[in-house]
Amino acid sequence: MDIKAYLREKKELVDVFLKEYFAPNFVPAVLKESITYSLFAGGKRIRPILCLAACEACDGDSEDILPFASSIELIHTYSLIHDDLPAMDNDDLRRGKPTNHKVFGEGMAILAGDGLLTEAFFIMANSLSNKNIKNTALIRAIKEVAFASGIYGMAGGQAQDLLSENSEPDKETLFFIHKHKTGALISCSLRAGAMLANCTKPALNAITRYGENIGLAFQIIDDILDIEGDTQELGKTTGSDERKKKMTYPALYGIEESKNKAKELISEALFSIKDFSNKAEPLRLREIAKYFLERKS
């Protein structure tokens, strides 16, 4: 199957929804400018696509959950805006463009992130009006995303990442950071899609193991690209992890072992969903996992 065509198709659906959602003007206008500047800066929409793909793999209709899936991109974008702030990673470039605070100032960047995070849950809650989604499944999915985004997930991982700068790498801390800072939102995107499709417990367990493995692999590959990647292709300055003495897989294990670990995790992810059928829908999850290993940005 042409996984790149599938990714393009789903990305376009997410982009259309988000552009229509943020089309109306609101006051102050600069807040909308700040939000849309980062939201439409060229993201690949990986997390919403994973949510849609998991729903399809569990025989759900991804069209029903498009708003919910798209809202996860708001959470991801908020995290990037805040991550780039001077008090955090102090980055100048994101997706090939000046970071949000460089254009709109630190205060507006913080508010744009706050607005995106809150609006995401407003969009999710609005799915209560969709009669094709069971309210119990929706509440479970919202709870899942909230848990993965907060102190027990992404925020907790980011906190540990900050605390671990200039520290000697150790495998337990490194695993915690990667699992929570990056892996949690990736895994929960998949779990939420499966939940909204009213999947069976065995299917949810399989999707969970798949998500945990590709989530960790995704961040390891990010660590590698920060060393070997091209600044223009990545859209951000390479080598920042080493300059900031971040705790990364290459810093602890070296490049080659990190690459082997990423391959191992992808293999484990594929094994996790081996009992899914060979219909097109589950095959997309398999192809996405393989695509992760090949990505250059």
Foldseek 3Di string as FASTA:
>chain_A
DPLVVVLVVLQVLLVVVVCVVLVDADPPNVLSVLLCCQLVLDDSLLLLSLLLLLLVLQVHHSVLCSLLSSLLSLLVSLLVLVCCDPVHLVFQWASQHGRSCVPRNDVSSNVSSVVSNVVSVVSLVVSVPPPLFDPVLSVVLSVLQDCLSDCNAQVVLSVLQRVCFPHQADDVSQLSNQCGNFLSSNLSSSLSSNSRSVGDPLSSQLSNLLSSLLSSLLQLVVLLLLPVADCNQRRGHHPSCVVRRTHHCCSPPNNVVSLVSSVVSLVRSCVSCVPRDPPPSVVSSNVVSVVSSVDRD
